């Protein structure tokens, strides 16, 4: 019974139009409304976020390798016998190198974090300046003798989009 009902409904359908798939326009790309410059900015920000995520995983890897090195040092220091003194000297040397490497690695990680933060702040400042320039390009003085309407528009824009604080630039 249910099938008969669907078949009757299908019989009452009419074809309204036909469109060839070969000549159809490409599907709308929502990213097309972005300017190439804005798209490059988004890609650059995405790469920076990826680099920040990768940099945050470095401490776990570093700690794991340093722990392995420490375990090997402990084993080497416990070895006794006629080669024990030479092995202990090697273990001591390795320990010093490992300590120096750990310090350099930590310094590099801190520099990378600082650099990443600086680029993030720079990107925010650039984005604000770009948006302000776009707005300024749309503001057209209605009357050359009376600039008050344009000034009022600009003040309203600045109230809605305040400039970045001085601390932002000091941190950079």
N, C-alpha and C. Protein backbone atom coordinates (compact mmCIF):
# COMPACT_ATOMS: atom_id res chain seq x y z
N UNK A 1 0.81 -1.20 0.00
CA UNK A 1 0.00 0.00 0.00
C UNK A 1 0.85 1.26 0.00
N UNK A 2 1.88 1.26 0.81
CA UNK A 2 2.74 2.43 0.90
C UNK A 2 3.45 2.66 -0.43
N UNK A 3 3.88 1.60 -1.09
CA UNK A 3 4.53 1.73 -2.38
C UNK A 3 3.59 2.32 -3.42
N UNK A 4 2.34 1.91 -3.41
CA UNK A 4 1.38 2.45 -4.35
C UNK A 4 1.21 3.95 -4.15
N UNK A 5 1.21 4.39 -2.91
CA UNK A 5 1.04 5.81 -2.62
C UNK A 5 2.23 6.61 -3.18
N UNK A 6 3.47 6.10 -3.01
CA UNK A 6 4.64 6.79 -3.53
C UNK A 6 4.64 6.80 -5.05
N UNK A 7 4.19 5.72 -5.67
CA UNK A 7 4.15 5.68 -7.12
C UNK A 7 3.16 6.71 -7.65
N UNK A 8 2.03 6.89 -6.97
CA UNK A 8 1.06 7.89 -7.40
C UNK A 8 1.64 9.29 -7.28
N UNK A 9 2.40 9.54 -6.20
CA UNK A 9 3.01 10.86 -6.03
C UNK A 9 4.04 11.11 -7.12
N UNK A 10 4.80 10.09 -7.50
CA UNK A 10 5.79 10.25 -8.55
C UNK A 10 5.14 10.58 -9.88
N UNK A 11 3.96 10.05 -10.13
CA UNK A 11 3.28 10.32 -11.38
C UNK A 11 2.82 11.76 -11.47
N UNK A 12 2.61 12.40 -10.34
CA UNK A 12 2.13 13.78 -10.37
C UNK A 12 3.27 14.78 -10.45
N UNK A 13 4.51 14.35 -10.42
CA UNK A 13 5.66 15.26 -10.50
C UNK A 13 5.86 15.70 -11.94
N UNK A 14 6.30 16.95 -12.11
CA UNK A 14 6.60 17.46 -13.44
C UNK A 14 8.02 17.97 -13.48
N UNK A 15 8.64 17.83 -14.61
CA UNK A 15 9.99 18.31 -14.82
C UNK A 15 9.93 19.80 -15.12
N UNK A 16 10.60 20.58 -14.31
CA UNK A 16 10.54 22.03 -14.48
C UNK A 16 11.66 22.52 -15.38
N UNK A 17 12.87 22.04 -15.18
CA UNK A 17 13.98 22.47 -16.03
C UNK A 17 15.04 21.38 -16.06
N UNK A 18 15.91 21.50 -17.05
CA UNK A 18 17.01 20.56 -17.21
C UNK A 18 18.29 21.37 -17.33
N UNK A 19 19.30 20.93 -16.64
CA UNK A 19 20.57 21.62 -16.70
C UNK A 19 21.64 20.60 -17.03
N UNK A 20 22.44 20.87 -18.03
CA UNK A 20 23.53 19.98 -18.40
C UNK A 20 24.68 20.14 -17.41
N UNK A 21 25.22 19.04 -16.98
CA UNK A 21 26.31 19.11 -16.02
C UNK A 21 27.60 19.61 -16.65
N UNK A 22 27.76 19.40 -17.96
CA UNK A 22 28.98 19.85 -18.62
C UNK A 22 29.08 21.37 -18.64
N UNK A 23 27.96 22.06 -18.71
CA UNK A 23 27.97 23.51 -18.87
C UNK A 23 27.57 24.24 -17.59
N UNK A 24 27.50 23.54 -16.50
CA UNK A 24 27.07 24.20 -15.27
C UNK A 24 28.22 25.02 -14.70
N UNK A 25 27.90 26.11 -14.05
CA UNK A 25 28.96 26.92 -13.45
C UNK A 25 29.59 26.17 -12.29
N UNK A 26 30.84 26.44 -12.01
CA UNK A 26 31.49 25.74 -10.89
C UNK A 26 30.80 26.11 -9.58
N UNK A 27 30.83 25.22 -8.62
CA UNK A 27 30.19 25.52 -7.35
C UNK A 27 30.81 26.76 -6.72
N UNK A 28 30.01 27.48 -6.00
CA UNK A 28 30.48 28.72 -5.38
C UNK A 28 31.53 28.40 -4.34
N UNK A 29 32.63 29.11 -4.43
CA UNK A 29 33.71 28.94 -3.45
C UNK A 29 33.60 30.07 -2.45
N UNK A 30 33.40 29.71 -1.20
CA UNK A 30 33.21 30.74 -0.18
C UNK A 30 34.49 31.51 0.07
N UNK A 31 35.62 30.98 -0.32
CA UNK A 31 36.89 31.67 -0.11
C UNK A 31 37.19 32.69 -1.20
N UNK A 32 36.38 32.73 -2.28
CA UNK A 32 36.65 33.63 -3.38
C UNK A 32 36.44 35.09 -3.00
N UNK A 33 35.59 35.36 -2.03
CA UNK A 33 35.33 36.74 -1.68
C UNK A 33 36.51 37.36 -0.92
N UNK A 34 37.50 36.54 -0.55
CA UNK A 34 38.67 37.06 0.14
C UNK A 34 39.68 37.56 -0.89
N UNK A 35 40.30 38.66 -0.59
CA UNK A 35 41.32 39.15 -1.49
C UNK A 35 42.55 38.25 -1.37
N UNK A 36 43.38 38.22 -2.40
CA UNK A 36 44.58 37.37 -2.33
C UNK A 36 45.47 37.74 -1.14
N UNK A 37 45.55 39.03 -0.84
CA UNK A 37 46.37 39.46 0.29
C UNK A 37 45.83 38.91 1.60
N UNK A 38 44.52 38.97 1.76
CA UNK A 38 43.90 38.47 3.00
C UNK A 38 44.07 36.95 3.10
N UNK A 39 43.96 36.26 1.96
CA UNK A 39 44.14 34.81 1.96
C UNK A 39 45.58 34.46 2.36
N UNK A 40 46.55 35.22 1.85
CA UNK A 40 47.95 34.98 2.23
C UNK A 40 48.14 35.20 3.72
N UNK A 41 47.48 36.23 4.26
CA UNK A 41 47.58 36.50 5.70
C UNK A 41 47.02 35.34 6.50
N UNK A 42 45.89 34.81 6.07
CA UNK A 42 45.29 33.67 6.77
C UNK A 42 46.21 32.45 6.72
N UNK A 43 46.81 32.20 5.56
CA UNK A 43 47.72 31.07 5.43
C UNK A 43 48.95 31.24 6.32
N UNK A 44 49.48 32.48 6.35
CA UNK A 44 50.64 32.75 7.18
C UNK A 44 50.31 32.54 8.66
N UNK A 45 49.15 33.02 9.08
CA UNK A 45 48.73 32.83 10.48
C UNK A 45 48.54 31.35 10.79
N UNK A 46 48.00 30.61 9.83
CA UNK A 46 47.81 29.18 10.03
C UNK A 46 49.15 28.46 10.18
N UNK A 47 50.14 28.85 9.37
CA UNK A 47 51.46 28.24 9.48
C UNK A 47 52.09 28.56 10.83
N UNK A 48 51.90 29.80 11.31
CA UNK A 48 52.46 30.16 12.62
C UNK A 48 51.82 29.36 13.73
N UNK A 49 50.49 29.17 13.65
CA UNK A 49 49.82 28.38 14.67
C UNK A 49 50.33 26.94 14.66
N UNK A 50 50.57 26.39 13.46
CA UNK A 50 51.12 25.04 13.36
C UNK A 50 52.51 24.96 13.96
N UNK A 51 53.32 25.98 13.70
CA UNK A 51 54.67 26.00 14.26
C UNK A 51 54.62 26.10 15.78
N UNK A 52 53.67 26.87 16.29
CA UNK A 52 53.54 26.98 17.75
C UNK A 52 53.14 25.64 18.35
N UNK A 53 52.23 24.92 17.68
CA UNK A 53 51.82 23.61 18.19
C UNK A 53 53.00 22.64 18.17
N UNK A 54 53.78 22.67 17.08
CA UNK A 54 54.93 21.78 17.01
C UNK A 54 55.96 22.14 18.08
N UNK A 55 56.17 23.43 18.29
CA UNK A 55 57.14 23.87 19.30
C UNK A 55 56.70 23.45 20.69
N UNK A 56 55.40 23.40 20.93
CA UNK A 56 54.94 23.01 22.26
C UNK A 56 55.17 21.53 22.51
N UNK A 57 55.36 20.73 21.46
CA UNK A 57 55.61 19.30 21.65
C UNK A 57 57.09 19.01 21.90
N UNK A 58 57.97 19.98 21.65
CA UNK A 58 59.40 19.78 21.82
C UNK A 58 59.76 19.43 23.26
N UNK A 59 59.20 20.09 24.29
CA UNK A 59 59.61 19.73 25.65
C UNK A 59 59.37 18.27 25.99
N UNK A 60 58.28 17.68 25.51
CA UNK A 60 58.03 16.26 25.81
C UNK A 60 59.09 15.39 25.18
N UNK A 61 59.44 15.65 23.92
CA UNK A 61 60.47 14.87 23.25
C UNK A 61 61.82 15.07 23.92
N UNK A 62 62.11 16.32 24.24
CA UNK A 62 63.38 16.64 24.89
C UNK A 62 63.50 15.90 26.21
N UNK A 63 62.46 15.97 27.02
CA UNK A 63 62.50 15.31 28.32
C UNK A 63 62.67 13.80 28.17
N UNK A 64 62.01 13.22 27.19
CA UNK A 64 62.12 11.78 26.99
C UNK A 64 63.55 11.39 26.63
N UNK A 65 64.18 12.15 25.71
CA UNK A 65 65.55 11.84 25.31
C UNK A 65 66.53 12.09 26.46
N UNK A 66 66.30 13.16 27.20
CA UNK A 66 67.18 13.44 28.32
C UNK A 66 67.05 12.37 29.40
N UNK A 67 65.84 11.89 29.62
CA UNK A 67 65.64 10.81 30.60
C UNK A 67 66.38 9.54 30.17
N UNK A 68 66.31 9.23 28.87
CA UNK A 68 67.03 8.06 28.37
C UNK A 68 68.53 8.22 28.57
N UNK A 69 69.03 9.43 28.26
CA UNK A 69 70.45 9.69 28.45
C UNK A 69 70.85 9.57 29.91
N UNK A 70 70.00 10.07 30.80
CA UNK A 70 70.27 9.96 32.24
C UNK A 70 70.29 8.52 32.70
N UNK A 71 69.37 7.72 32.20
CA UNK A 71 69.34 6.29 32.55
C UNK A 71 70.62 5.59 32.09
N UNK A 72 71.06 5.92 30.87
CA UNK A 72 72.30 5.32 30.37
C UNK A 72 73.49 5.73 31.22
N UNK A 73 73.49 6.99 31.66
CA UNK A 73 74.59 7.45 32.52
C UNK A 73 74.62 6.69 33.84
N UNK A 74 73.45 6.47 34.41
CA UNK A 74 73.40 5.73 35.68
C UNK A 74 73.92 4.31 35.49
N UNK A 75 73.51 3.68 34.40
CA UNK A 75 73.98 2.31 34.14
C UNK A 75 75.49 2.30 33.95
N UNK A 76 76.00 3.29 33.21
CA UNK A 76 77.43 3.34 32.94
C UNK A 76 78.22 3.57 34.23
N UNK A 77 77.69 4.37 35.13
CA UNK A 77 78.42 4.65 36.37
C UNK A 77 78.42 3.45 37.30
N UNK A 78 77.48 2.54 37.13
CA UNK A 78 77.40 1.37 38.00
C UNK A 78 78.26 0.21 37.50
N UNK A 79 78.72 0.32 36.27
CA UNK A 79 79.54 -0.75 35.71
C UNK A 79 80.89 -0.77 36.43
N UNK A 80 81.28 -1.94 36.82
CA UNK A 80 82.58 -2.05 37.50
C UNK A 80 83.47 -2.99 36.71
N UNK A 81 84.71 -3.04 37.08
CA UNK A 81 85.64 -3.92 36.39
C UNK A 81 86.87 -3.16 35.96
N UNK A 82 87.66 -3.79 35.11
CA UNK A 82 88.92 -3.17 34.70
C UNK A 82 88.69 -2.00 33.74
N UNK A 83 87.57 -1.95 33.01
CA UNK A 83 87.26 -0.83 32.13
C UNK A 83 86.41 0.22 32.82
N UNK A 84 86.17 0.07 34.09
CA UNK A 84 85.27 0.95 34.83
C UNK A 84 85.72 2.39 34.85
N UNK A 85 87.03 2.65 35.03
CA UNK A 85 87.49 4.04 35.12
C UNK A 85 87.31 4.77 33.79
N UNK A 86 87.67 4.13 32.71
CA UNK A 86 87.49 4.76 31.39
C UNK A 86 86.03 5.00 31.08
N UNK A 87 85.20 4.05 31.47
CA UNK A 87 83.77 4.19 31.23
C UNK A 87 83.18 5.30 32.10
N UNK A 88 83.69 5.41 33.32
CA UNK A 88 83.21 6.49 34.20
C UNK A 88 83.60 7.86 33.64
N UNK A 89 84.80 7.96 33.11
CA UNK A 89 85.22 9.22 32.50
C UNK A 89 84.34 9.57 31.32
N UNK A 90 84.05 8.57 30.50
CA UNK A 90 83.15 8.80 29.37
C UNK A 90 81.76 9.21 29.85
N UNK A 91 81.28 8.55 30.90
CA UNK A 91 79.96 8.88 31.44
C UNK A 91 79.94 10.30 31.98
N UNK A 92 81.01 10.70 32.67
CA UNK A 92 81.09 12.06 33.21
C UNK A 92 81.11 13.08 32.07
N UNK A 93 81.87 12.79 31.04
CA UNK A 93 81.94 13.68 29.88
C UNK A 93 80.57 13.77 29.19
N UNK A 94 79.94 12.62 29.04
CA UNK A 94 78.61 12.61 28.42
C UNK A 94 77.62 13.41 29.26
N UNK A 95 77.74 13.28 30.57
CA UNK A 95 76.83 14.01 31.46
C UNK A 95 77.02 15.51 31.30
N UNK A 96 78.27 15.96 31.20
CA UNK A 96 78.54 17.39 31.00
C UNK A 96 77.99 17.87 29.66
N UNK A 97 78.21 17.08 28.62
CA UNK A 97 77.68 17.44 27.30
C UNK A 97 76.16 17.46 27.32
N UNK A 98 75.58 16.50 27.99
CA UNK A 98 74.12 16.42 28.07
C UNK A 98 73.55 17.63 28.81
N UNK A 99 74.21 18.03 29.88
CA UNK A 99 73.76 19.20 30.64
C UNK A 99 73.85 20.46 29.77
N UNK A 100 74.98 20.62 29.07
CA UNK A 100 75.13 21.78 28.19
C UNK A 100 74.10 21.78 27.07
N UNK A 101 73.87 20.60 26.51
CA UNK A 101 72.86 20.49 25.45
C UNK A 101 71.48 20.86 25.97
N UNK A 102 71.15 20.39 27.17
CA UNK A 102 69.84 20.70 27.75
C UNK A 102 69.66 22.20 27.93
N UNK A 103 70.71 22.86 28.40
CA UNK A 103 70.63 24.32 28.60
C UNK A 103 70.46 25.04 27.27
N UNK A 104 71.23 24.64 26.27
CA UNK A 104 71.11 25.28 24.95
C UNK A 104 69.73 25.03 24.34
N UNK A 105 69.23 23.81 24.52
CA UNK A 105 67.91 23.47 23.99
C UNK A 105 66.83 24.32 24.66
N UNK A 106 66.93 24.49 25.96
CA UNK A 106 65.96 25.30 26.69
C UNK A 106 66.03 26.77 26.25
N UNK A 107 67.24 27.29 26.08
CA UNK A 107 67.40 28.66 25.59
C UNK A 107 66.78 28.83 24.21
N UNK A 108 67.01 27.86 23.34
CA UNK A 108 66.45 27.91 21.99
C UNK A 108 64.93 27.85 22.03
N UNK A 109 64.39 27.00 22.90
CA UNK A 109 62.93 26.91 23.03
C UNK A 109 62.35 28.24 23.49
N UNK A 110 62.99 28.88 24.45
CA UNK A 110 62.52 30.18 24.93
C UNK A 110 62.58 31.23 23.83
N UNK A 111 63.67 31.24 23.05
CA UNK A 111 63.77 32.20 21.94
C UNK A 111 62.68 31.95 20.91
N UNK A 112 62.41 30.68 20.62
CA UNK A 112 61.35 30.36 19.66
C UNK A 112 59.99 30.82 20.17
N UNK A 113 59.72 30.61 21.45
CA UNK A 113 58.45 31.07 22.02
C UNK A 113 58.35 32.59 21.95
N UNK A 114 59.44 33.29 22.28
CA UNK A 114 59.43 34.75 22.21
C UNK A 114 59.22 35.22 20.78
N UNK A 115 59.89 34.57 19.84
CA UNK A 115 59.74 34.94 18.43
C UNK A 115 58.32 34.69 17.95
N UNK A 116 57.77 33.57 18.34
CA UNK A 116 56.40 33.24 17.96
C UNK A 116 55.43 34.27 18.52
N UNK A 117 55.61 34.65 19.78
CA UNK A 117 54.74 35.66 20.41
C UNK A 117 54.89 37.00 19.70
N UNK A 118 56.11 37.36 19.35
CA UNK A 118 56.34 38.62 18.65
C UNK A 118 55.63 38.62 17.29
N UNK A 119 55.73 37.53 16.56
CA UNK A 119 55.04 37.45 15.27
C UNK A 119 53.53 37.48 15.44
N UNK A 120 53.03 36.87 16.49
CA UNK A 120 51.60 36.92 16.77
C UNK A 120 51.15 38.36 17.02
N UNK A 121 51.90 39.08 17.86
CA UNK A 121 51.55 40.47 18.15
C UNK A 121 51.69 41.34 16.90
N UNK A 122 52.72 41.08 16.12
CA UNK A 122 52.90 41.82 14.87
C UNK A 122 51.75 41.56 13.91
N UNK A 123 51.29 40.33 13.83
CA UNK A 123 50.17 39.98 12.97
C UNK A 123 48.90 40.69 13.42
N UNK A 124 48.67 40.76 14.74
CA UNK A 124 47.49 41.48 15.25
C UNK A 124 47.57 42.96 14.89
N UNK A 125 48.74 43.56 15.06
CA UNK A 125 48.90 44.98 14.74
C UNK A 125 48.70 45.22 13.24
N UNK A 126 49.25 44.34 12.43
CA UNK A 126 49.11 44.47 10.98
C UNK A 126 47.65 44.32 10.56
N UNK A 127 46.97 43.36 11.17
CA UNK A 127 45.55 43.14 10.86
C UNK A 127 44.72 44.38 11.21
N UNK A 128 44.99 44.97 12.39
CA UNK A 128 44.25 46.18 12.79
C UNK A 128 44.54 47.31 11.80
N UNK A 129 45.81 47.51 11.45
CA UNK A 129 46.17 48.58 10.53
C UNK A 129 45.54 48.36 9.15
N UNK A 130 45.51 47.13 8.69
CA UNK A 130 44.92 46.83 7.39
C UNK A 130 43.42 47.12 7.39
N UNK A 131 42.73 46.69 8.45
CA UNK A 131 41.30 46.97 8.54
C UNK A 131 41.04 48.48 8.61
N UNK A 132 41.88 49.20 9.34
CA UNK A 132 41.72 50.66 9.43
C UNK A 132 41.96 51.31 8.07
N UNK A 133 42.95 50.83 7.32
CA UNK A 133 43.20 51.38 5.99
C UNK A 133 42.03 51.10 5.05
N UNK A 134 41.47 49.91 5.14
CA UNK A 134 40.31 49.59 4.31
C UNK A 134 39.16 50.53 4.63
N UNK A 135 38.93 50.77 5.91
CA UNK A 135 37.85 51.66 6.30
C UNK A 135 38.14 53.08 5.81
N UNK A 136 39.37 53.52 5.97
CA UNK A 136 39.73 54.88 5.53
C UNK A 136 39.54 55.04 4.03
N UNK A 137 39.78 53.99 3.27
CA UNK A 137 39.63 54.11 1.82
C UNK A 137 38.16 54.23 1.43
N UNK A 138 37.26 53.75 2.30
CA UNK A 138 35.83 53.85 2.00
C UNK A 138 35.23 55.18 2.45
N UNK A 139 35.91 55.88 3.35
CA UNK A 139 35.40 57.16 3.84
C UNK A 139 35.66 58.21 2.77
N UNK A 140 34.60 58.83 2.32
CA UNK A 140 34.72 59.86 1.30
C UNK A 140 34.20 61.17 1.89
N UNK A 141 35.01 62.18 1.81
CA UNK A 141 34.53 63.47 2.35
C UNK A 141 33.35 63.98 1.51
N UNK A 142 32.24 64.19 2.19
CA UNK A 142 31.05 64.66 1.48
C UNK A 142 31.21 66.11 1.03
N UNK A 143 31.85 66.89 1.86
CA UNK A 143 31.99 68.31 1.56
C UNK A 143 33.42 68.72 1.91
N UNK A 144 34.12 69.28 0.95
CA UNK A 144 35.52 69.64 1.17
C UNK A 144 35.65 70.76 2.20
N UNK A 145 34.64 71.65 2.29
CA UNK A 145 34.73 72.75 3.26
C UNK A 145 34.38 72.31 4.68
N UNK A 146 33.59 71.24 4.82
CA UNK A 146 33.15 70.80 6.14
C UNK A 146 33.56 69.34 6.36
N UNK A 147 34.71 69.11 6.97
CA UNK A 147 35.17 67.73 7.16
C UNK A 147 34.56 67.05 8.39
N UNK A 148 33.66 67.72 9.10
CA UNK A 148 33.11 67.17 10.33
C UNK A 148 32.43 65.81 10.15
N UNK A 149 31.61 65.59 9.12
CA UNK A 149 30.99 64.26 8.98
C UNK A 149 32.04 63.14 8.84
N UNK A 150 33.09 63.41 8.09
CA UNK A 150 34.14 62.39 7.93
C UNK A 150 34.86 62.15 9.25
N UNK A 151 35.15 63.21 9.97
CA UNK A 151 35.82 63.07 11.26
C UNK A 151 34.93 62.30 12.23
N UNK A 152 33.63 62.57 12.18
CA UNK A 152 32.69 61.87 13.05
C UNK A 152 32.68 60.37 12.72
N UNK A 153 32.67 60.04 11.43
CA UNK A 153 32.71 58.63 11.01
C UNK A 153 33.98 57.94 11.52
N UNK A 154 35.10 58.64 11.39
CA UNK A 154 36.37 58.06 11.84
C UNK A 154 36.39 57.85 13.35
N UNK A 155 35.84 58.80 14.10
CA UNK A 155 35.78 58.65 15.56
C UNK A 155 34.89 57.47 15.94
N UNK A 156 33.78 57.31 15.22
CA UNK A 156 32.90 56.17 15.49
C UNK A 156 33.63 54.85 15.20
N UNK A 157 34.38 54.83 14.12
CA UNK A 157 35.13 53.62 13.79
C UNK A 157 36.15 53.31 14.88
N UNK A 158 36.87 54.34 15.34
CA UNK A 158 37.87 54.12 16.38
C UNK A 158 37.24 53.69 17.70
N UNK A 159 36.03 54.15 17.97
CA UNK A 159 35.35 53.71 19.19
C UNK A 159 34.97 52.23 19.07
N UNK A 160 34.54 51.83 17.89
CA UNK A 160 34.15 50.43 17.67
C UNK A 160 35.38 49.51 17.53
N UNK A 161 36.47 50.05 17.01
CA UNK A 161 37.70 49.28 16.79
C UNK A 161 38.87 50.05 17.41
N UNK A 162 39.02 49.99 18.72
CA UNK A 162 40.07 50.79 19.37
C UNK A 162 41.46 50.34 18.92
N UNK A 163 42.38 51.29 18.87
CA UNK A 163 43.75 50.92 18.50
C UNK A 163 44.37 50.02 19.58
N UNK A 164 45.40 49.33 19.19
CA UNK A 164 46.07 48.42 20.11
C UNK A 164 46.77 49.24 21.20
N UNK A 165 46.79 48.73 22.43
CA UNK A 165 47.43 49.47 23.52
C UNK A 165 48.95 49.53 23.34
N UNK A 166 49.56 50.49 24.00
CA UNK A 166 51.01 50.67 23.91
C UNK A 166 51.76 49.44 24.43
N UNK A 167 51.19 48.73 25.41
CA UNK A 167 51.83 47.54 25.96
C UNK A 167 52.04 46.47 24.88
N UNK A 168 51.12 46.44 23.93
CA UNK A 168 51.20 45.50 22.82
C UNK A 168 52.52 45.70 22.07
N UNK A 169 52.85 46.96 21.79
CA UNK A 169 54.06 47.27 21.04
C UNK A 169 55.30 47.17 21.93
N UNK A 170 55.15 47.49 23.20
CA UNK A 170 56.27 47.36 24.13
C UNK A 170 56.69 45.90 24.25
N UNK A 171 55.72 45.01 24.30
CA UNK A 171 56.02 43.58 24.40
C UNK A 171 56.77 43.08 23.17
N UNK A 172 56.43 43.66 22.00
CA UNK A 172 57.14 43.24 20.79
C UNK A 172 58.60 43.65 20.90
